[in-house]
Amino acid sequence: MTMFVVAALYKFVTLTDLPTWQSRIREVCEQNGVAGTLLLAEEGINGTVAGSREGIDALLAFLHSQPEFADLEHKESLDETNPFFRLKIKLKKEIVTLGVPGINPNKQVGQYVNPEQWNELISADDVVIVDTRNDYEVAIGSFEGAMDPKTQSFRQFPDWVKANLDPSKHKKVAMFCTGGIRCEKSTAFMLEQGFEEVYHLKGGILKYLETVPKQQSKWQGDCFVFDNRVAVNHDLQRGDYEFCPACRGPISAEDKLSDKYEQDYCCPRCHDQLTEAQRARFRERQKQIQLARAKGKRHFGGEG
């Protein structure tokens, strides 16, 4: 069976002439059948793409051939189908939006901790463990004992830190996220706020799941991913979740038992937040998706 390679990557590096980078990377991806989403900003590159082994290797070879991305690292997993329907390369102000001016991971970040040493660190009594992801991600899996900021967007994280953590009390803070990129920004922010010992999981949860044997793991549940797989388990295989058509959050089997779950329209998480106009729009979109499926086609409105 032919398997698709899913590659998550990021790199904080100063980039100029973003439209040229956008054009060059798009050309390489299109020539090699690579789909997915990549974000480009003056602070670097971030995204997840998928394609054949040869296609992903060609893209990585191109990036590594550029001085700006020579040491770029990535995480891989496999899937039976391409979790992306198309290629999107977007120009942004930030490759991960914290919304705090002046935070530059190229100048300072926390101390990296390899997956092999992570269990020992988070087992220490004097270490505060913080999950930097959003509430819908944390809901389906996290590390034992981790604090959940219950944020709905990464922009809310700085305010949560100011309200819940104190440099004079919380001497050691260990942070983690999906692939590592949010921790680059969050640890840089923490250092600016006066925290001295700030650690983050190198390569993020995905690298941990790839590296640490399941029997030694302190990870509980699945890991949310930003593509049509929705989540992956400890073996980096597709989990048992679906995307909500409205809020794009994960839907579990338990969610489907709720009276606030409407198949193909909304989930318990977003049911009470939708206006009638939004409901009508989502129903129409789902109608078009179903019509496309009946014709054996993919509809982009169903893409994660």
Protein backbone atom coordinates (compact mmCIF):
# COMPACT_ATOMS: atom_id res chain seq x y z
CA MET A 1 0.00 0.00 0.00
CA THR A 2 1.28 3.45 -0.93
CA MET A 3 1.55 5.68 2.15
CA PHE A 4 1.61 9.46 2.19
CA VAL A 5 4.29 11.22 4.22
CA VAL A 6 2.99 14.02 6.45
CA ALA A 7 5.72 16.50 7.37
CA ALA A 8 5.32 19.21 10.04
CA LEU A 9 8.02 21.88 9.92
CA TYR A 10 8.94 25.33 11.13
CA LYS A 11 11.95 27.59 11.36
CA PHE A 12 12.38 31.00 12.95
CA VAL A 13 14.68 32.94 10.65
CA THR A 14 14.68 36.45 9.22
CA LEU A 15 13.20 36.41 5.71
CA THR A 16 12.95 39.18 3.14
CA ASP A 17 11.14 39.37 -0.19
CA LEU A 18 8.33 37.06 0.95
CA PRO A 19 6.50 36.97 -2.42
CA THR A 20 9.60 35.48 -4.05
CA TRP A 21 9.87 32.81 -1.36
CA GLN A 22 6.17 32.10 -1.79
CA SER A 23 6.56 31.63 -5.53
CA ARG A 24 9.67 29.46 -5.31
CA ILE A 25 8.27 27.14 -2.64
CA ARG A 26 4.93 26.87 -4.44
CA GLU A 27 6.70 25.84 -7.64
CA VAL A 28 8.65 23.06 -5.89
CA CYS A 29 5.51 21.79 -4.16
CA GLU A 30 3.43 21.78 -7.35
CA GLN A 31 6.13 20.06 -9.36
CA ASN A 32 6.32 17.27 -6.76
CA GLY A 33 2.65 16.79 -5.89
CA VAL A 34 2.92 18.19 -2.36
CA ALA A 35 -0.24 19.57 -0.72
CA GLY A 36 -0.83 21.27 2.63
CA THR A 37 -0.46 24.68 4.23
CA LEU A 38 2.70 26.72 4.74
CA LEU A 39 2.88 30.14 6.39
CA LEU A 40 5.63 32.61 5.55
CA ALA A 41 6.45 35.76 7.53
CA GLU A 42 9.45 37.97 8.12
CA GLU A 43 10.14 35.79 11.19
CA GLY A 44 10.25 32.46 9.31
CA ILE A 45 8.23 29.50 8.00
CA ASN A 46 5.64 27.19 9.58
CA GLY A 47 3.24 24.52 8.35
CA THR A 48 2.36 20.94 7.54
CA VAL A 49 2.50 19.35 4.10
CA ALA A 50 1.96 15.87 2.70
CA GLY A 51 2.85 13.94 -0.41
CA SER A 52 4.75 10.93 -1.66
CA ARG A 53 8.10 10.03 -0.12
CA GLU A 54 9.81 11.40 -3.22
CA GLY A 55 7.73 14.59 -3.18
CA ILE A 56 8.42 15.43 0.46
CA ASP A 57 12.11 14.62 0.02
CA ALA A 58 12.27 16.98 -2.96
CA LEU A 59 10.71 19.83 -0.98
CA LEU A 60 13.01 19.24 2.00
CA ALA A 61 16.05 19.06 -0.29
CA PHE A 62 15.11 22.43 -1.78
CA LEU A 63 14.63 24.04 1.63
CA HIS A 64 17.86 22.60 3.03
CA SER A 65 19.72 23.92 -0.01
CA GLN A 66 18.82 27.47 1.02
CA PRO A 67 21.08 29.08 3.66
CA GLU A 68 18.03 30.33 5.58
CA PHE A 69 16.66 26.79 6.01
CA ALA A 70 19.83 24.69 6.00
CA ASP A 71 19.22 23.39 9.55
CA LEU A 72 15.42 23.23 9.33
CA GLU A 73 14.00 20.26 11.28
CA HIS A 74 10.73 18.45 10.67
CA LYS A 75 8.54 15.68 12.11
CA GLU A 76 7.02 12.94 9.99
CA SER A 77 4.09 10.56 10.18
CA LEU A 78 2.32 8.39 7.62
CA ASP A 79 -1.25 8.14 6.41
CA GLU A 80 -3.08 6.02 3.85
CA THR A 81 -4.59 9.09 2.19
CA ASN A 82 -3.29 12.62 1.72
CA PRO A 83 -4.86 14.60 4.60
CA PHE A 84 -4.79 17.77 2.48
CA PHE A 85 -6.87 18.49 -0.61
CA ARG A 86 -4.82 21.38 -1.95
CA LEU A 87 -1.74 23.57 -1.50
CA LYS A 88 -1.91 26.88 0.37
CA ILE A 89 1.13 29.12 0.91
CA LYS A 90 0.15 32.23 2.83
CA LEU A 91 2.02 35.40 3.74
CA LYS A 92 1.46 36.45 7.36
CA LYS A 93 2.67 38.93 9.97
CA GLU A 94 3.59 36.04 12.30
CA ILE A 95 4.03 32.34 11.61
CA VAL A 96 2.38 31.67 14.98
CA THR A 97 0.32 34.54 16.36
CA LEU A 98 1.09 35.51 19.95
CA GLY A 99 0.23 39.16 19.36
CA VAL A 100 2.95 40.60 21.61
CA PRO A 101 5.31 43.00 19.77
CA GLY A 102 9.03 42.40 20.10
CA ILE A 103 8.96 38.70 21.00
CA ASN A 104 11.75 37.22 18.89
CA PRO A 105 12.77 33.56 19.34
CA ASN A 106 15.85 34.30 17.25
CA LYS A 107 17.15 36.36 20.20
CA GLN A 108 16.16 34.22 23.18
CA VAL A 109 14.16 31.06 23.94
CA GLY A 110 13.85 28.61 26.79
CA GLN A 111 16.08 25.61 27.31
CA TYR A 112 15.36 22.74 24.91
CA VAL A 113 14.70 19.33 26.45
CA ASN A 114 14.98 16.25 24.25
CA PRO A 115 12.09 13.75 24.38
CA GLU A 116 14.37 11.22 26.12
CA GLN A 117 14.87 13.61 29.07
CA TRP A 118 11.32 15.01 29.20
CA ASN A 119 9.85 12.41 31.57
CA GLU A 120 12.52 13.05 34.16
CA LEU A 121 11.99 16.81 34.00
CA ILE A 122 8.21 16.77 34.37
CA SER A 123 8.40 14.21 37.18
CA ALA A 124 10.27 16.66 39.44
CA ASP A 125 8.19 18.14 42.27
CA ASP A 126 9.45 21.68 41.71
CA VAL A 127 8.53 21.86 38.01
CA VAL A 128 5.31 23.47 36.76
CA ILE A 129 4.13 21.84 33.52
CA VAL A 130 2.19 24.06 31.10
CA ASP A 131 0.31 23.00 27.98
CA THR A 132 0.52 25.99 25.62
CA ARG A 133 -2.16 24.70 23.24
CA ASN A 134 -5.82 25.72 23.00
CA ASP A 135 -8.65 24.16 25.00
CA TYR A 136 -10.01 21.96 22.20
CA GLU A 137 -6.54 20.47 21.69
CA VAL A 138 -5.92 19.82 25.37
CA ALA A 139 -9.36 18.21 25.71
CA ILE A 140 -8.35 15.10 23.76
CA GLY A 141 -4.88 14.57 25.21
CA SER A 142 -2.07 16.03 27.33
CA PHE A 143 0.79 15.12 29.67
CA GLU A 144 0.13 13.95 33.21
CA GLY A 145 -0.14 16.87 35.62
CA ALA A 146 -0.02 19.62 32.99
CA MET A 147 -1.80 22.92 33.55
CA ASP A 148 -4.49 23.73 30.99
CA PRO A 149 -4.73 27.50 30.34
CA LYS A 150 -8.15 26.91 28.67
CA THR A 151 -7.33 29.41 25.94
CA GLN A 152 -9.32 29.60 22.72
CA SER A 153 -6.44 31.20 20.83
CA PHE A 154 -2.70 31.61 21.37
CA ARG A 155 -3.24 35.37 21.72
CA GLN A 156 -4.84 34.73 25.11
CA PHE A 157 -1.79 32.94 26.47
CA PRO A 158 0.19 36.03 27.66
CA ASP A 159 -2.75 37.23 29.77
CA TRP A 160 -3.13 33.75 31.28
CA VAL A 161 0.55 33.72 32.23
CA LYS A 162 0.29 37.12 33.93
CA ALA A 163 -2.77 35.99 35.89
CA ASN A 164 -1.60 32.51 36.90
CA LEU A 165 2.19 32.31 37.03
CA ASP A 166 4.65 34.27 39.15
CA PRO A 167 8.44 34.37 38.52
CA SER A 168 9.06 34.61 42.27
CA LYS A 169 7.03 31.44 43.00
CA HIS A 170 7.26 29.31 39.89
CA LYS A 171 11.00 28.86 39.55
CA LYS A 172 10.96 26.07 36.95
CA VAL A 173 8.42 25.94 34.13
CA ALA A 174 8.27 23.18 31.51
CA MET A 175 6.19 23.94 28.41
CA PHE A 176 5.07 21.90 25.44
CA CYS A 177 2.98 22.13 22.27
CA THR A 178 2.22 20.06 19.16
CA GLY A 179 5.37 20.53 17.11
CA GLY A 180 7.44 22.98 19.16
CA ILE A 181 6.71 26.28 17.46
CA ARG A 182 4.33 27.78 20.02
CA CYS A 183 6.89 27.05 22.74
CA GLU A 184 9.48 29.09 20.88
CA LYS A 185 7.23 32.14 21.25
CA SER A 186 5.85 31.30 24.70
CA THR A 187 9.25 30.64 26.30
CA ALA A 188 10.66 33.82 24.76
CA PHE A 189 7.71 35.69 26.29
CA MET A 190 8.22 33.99 29.68
CA LEU A 191 11.88 35.00 29.78
CA GLU A 192 10.89 38.57 29.01
CA GLN A 193 8.47 38.43 31.96
CA GLY A 194 11.28 37.55 34.35
CA PHE A 195 11.03 33.76 34.56
CA GLU A 196 14.55 32.35 34.72
CA GLU A 197 14.31 28.56 34.28
CA VAL A 198 11.99 27.93 31.36
CA TYR A 199 12.14 24.63 29.48
CA HIS A 200 10.36 23.35 26.38
CA LEU A 201 9.99 19.97 24.72
CA LYS A 202 12.18 19.91 21.62
CA GLY A 203 10.17 18.83 18.60
CA GLY A 204 6.95 19.01 20.58
CA ILE A 205 4.44 16.26 21.31
CA LEU A 206 4.85 14.74 17.84
CA LYS A 207 8.57 14.16 18.37
CA TYR A 208 7.90 12.75 21.84
CA LEU A 209 5.38 10.24 20.48
CA GLU A 210 7.82 9.29 17.75
CA THR A 211 10.71 8.82 20.19
CA VAL A 212 9.44 7.56 23.55
CA PRO A 213 8.12 3.97 23.76
CA LYS A 214 4.44 3.74 24.69
CA GLN A 215 5.15 1.74 27.82
CA GLN A 216 7.38 4.57 29.14
CA SER A 217 5.13 7.39 28.01
CA LYS A 218 3.57 10.04 30.24
CA TRP A 219 1.30 11.18 27.42
CA GLN A 220 -2.42 10.54 27.91
CA GLY A 221 -4.91 10.48 25.04
CA ASP A 222 -4.48 11.58 21.43
CA CYS A 223 -2.71 14.57 19.88
CA PHE A 224 -4.74 17.07 17.84
CA VAL A 225 -3.24 17.86 14.43
CA PHE A 226 -4.21 20.54 11.96
CA ASP A 227 -5.18 18.41 8.99
CA ASN A 228 -7.95 16.02 8.03
CA ARG A 229 -6.65 13.29 10.33
CA VAL A 230 -7.89 15.50 13.22
CA ALA A 231 -5.77 13.61 15.77
CA VAL A 232 -3.08 10.96 15.99
CA ASN A 233 -2.51 8.34 18.68
CA HIS A 234 0.75 7.34 20.36
CA ASP A 235 1.71 5.34 17.26
CA LEU A 236 1.17 8.48 15.14
CA GLN A 237 -1.76 6.75 13.46
CA ARG A 238 -5.05 8.49 12.65
CA GLY A 239 -7.26 8.75 15.77
CA ASP A 240 -11.01 8.30 16.23
CA TYR A 241 -12.14 11.91 15.84
CA GLU A 242 -13.87 13.99 13.19
CA PHE A 243 -13.72 17.72 12.49
CA CYS A 244 -16.72 19.83 13.42
CA PRO A 245 -17.86 21.56 10.20
CA ALA A 246 -18.57 24.75 12.14
CA CYS A 247 -15.76 25.36 14.64
CA ARG A 248 -13.21 22.88 13.18
CA GLY A 249 -12.66 21.37 16.62
CA PRO A 250 -12.51 17.59 17.25
CA ILE A 251 -15.71 15.59 17.62
CA SER A 252 -15.56 12.39 19.69
CA ALA A 253 -18.02 9.50 19.87
CA GLU A 254 -19.16 10.91 23.22
CA ASP A 255 -19.83 14.32 21.65
CA LYS A 256 -22.16 12.66 19.17
CA LEU A 257 -24.40 11.51 22.03
CA SER A 258 -25.05 15.10 23.12
CA ASP A 259 -28.35 16.79 22.25
CA LYS A 260 -26.21 19.74 21.12
CA TYR A 261 -24.59 17.70 18.39
CA GLU A 262 -26.06 18.19 14.92
CA GLN A 263 -24.54 15.86 12.38
CA ASP A 264 -22.73 17.76 9.63
CA TYR A 265 -23.55 21.13 11.22
CA CYS A 266 -22.19 21.75 14.72
CA CYS A 267 -20.89 20.13 17.93
CA PRO A 268 -21.55 20.65 21.67
CA ARG A 269 -18.60 23.04 21.83
CA CYS A 270 -19.99 25.56 19.35
CA HIS A 271 -23.74 24.82 19.33
CA ASP A 272 -24.75 27.76 21.53
CA GLN A 273 -22.35 30.19 19.86
CA LEU A 274 -23.76 30.00 16.32
CA THR A 275 -26.20 32.48 14.87
CA GLU A 276 -29.00 31.35 12.59
CA ALA A 277 -27.15 32.91 9.66
CA GLN A 278 -24.06 30.86 10.48
CA ARG A 279 -26.14 27.69 10.81
CA ALA A 280 -27.65 28.31 7.40
CA ARG A 281 -24.21 28.85 5.88
CA PHE A 282 -22.79 25.67 7.38
CA ARG A 283 -25.80 23.65 6.21
CA GLU A 284 -25.38 24.95 2.68
CA ARG A 285 -21.67 24.18 2.73
CA GLN A 286 -22.35 20.66 3.95
CA LYS A 287 -24.94 20.22 1.22
CA GLN A 288 -22.32 21.11 -1.39
CA ILE A 289 -19.80 18.72 0.21
CA GLN A 290 -22.32 15.88 0.08
CA LEU A 291 -23.16 16.64 -3.56
CA ALA A 292 -19.46 16.59 -4.43
CA ARG A 293 -19.00 13.25 -2.64
CA ALA A 294 -21.95 11.78 -4.53
CA LYS A 295 -20.15 12.68 -7.75
CA GLY A 296 -16.90 11.15 -6.51
CA LYS A 297 -15.23 14.53 -6.07
CA ARG A 298 -13.63 16.42 -3.19
CA HIS A 299 -15.12 19.70 -2.02
CA PHE A 300 -12.61 22.17 -0.56
CA GLY A 301 -15.15 23.23 2.07
CA GLY A 302 -14.59 19.88 3.75
CA GLU A 303 -10.86 20.37 4.13
CA GLY A 304 -9.24 20.77 7.53
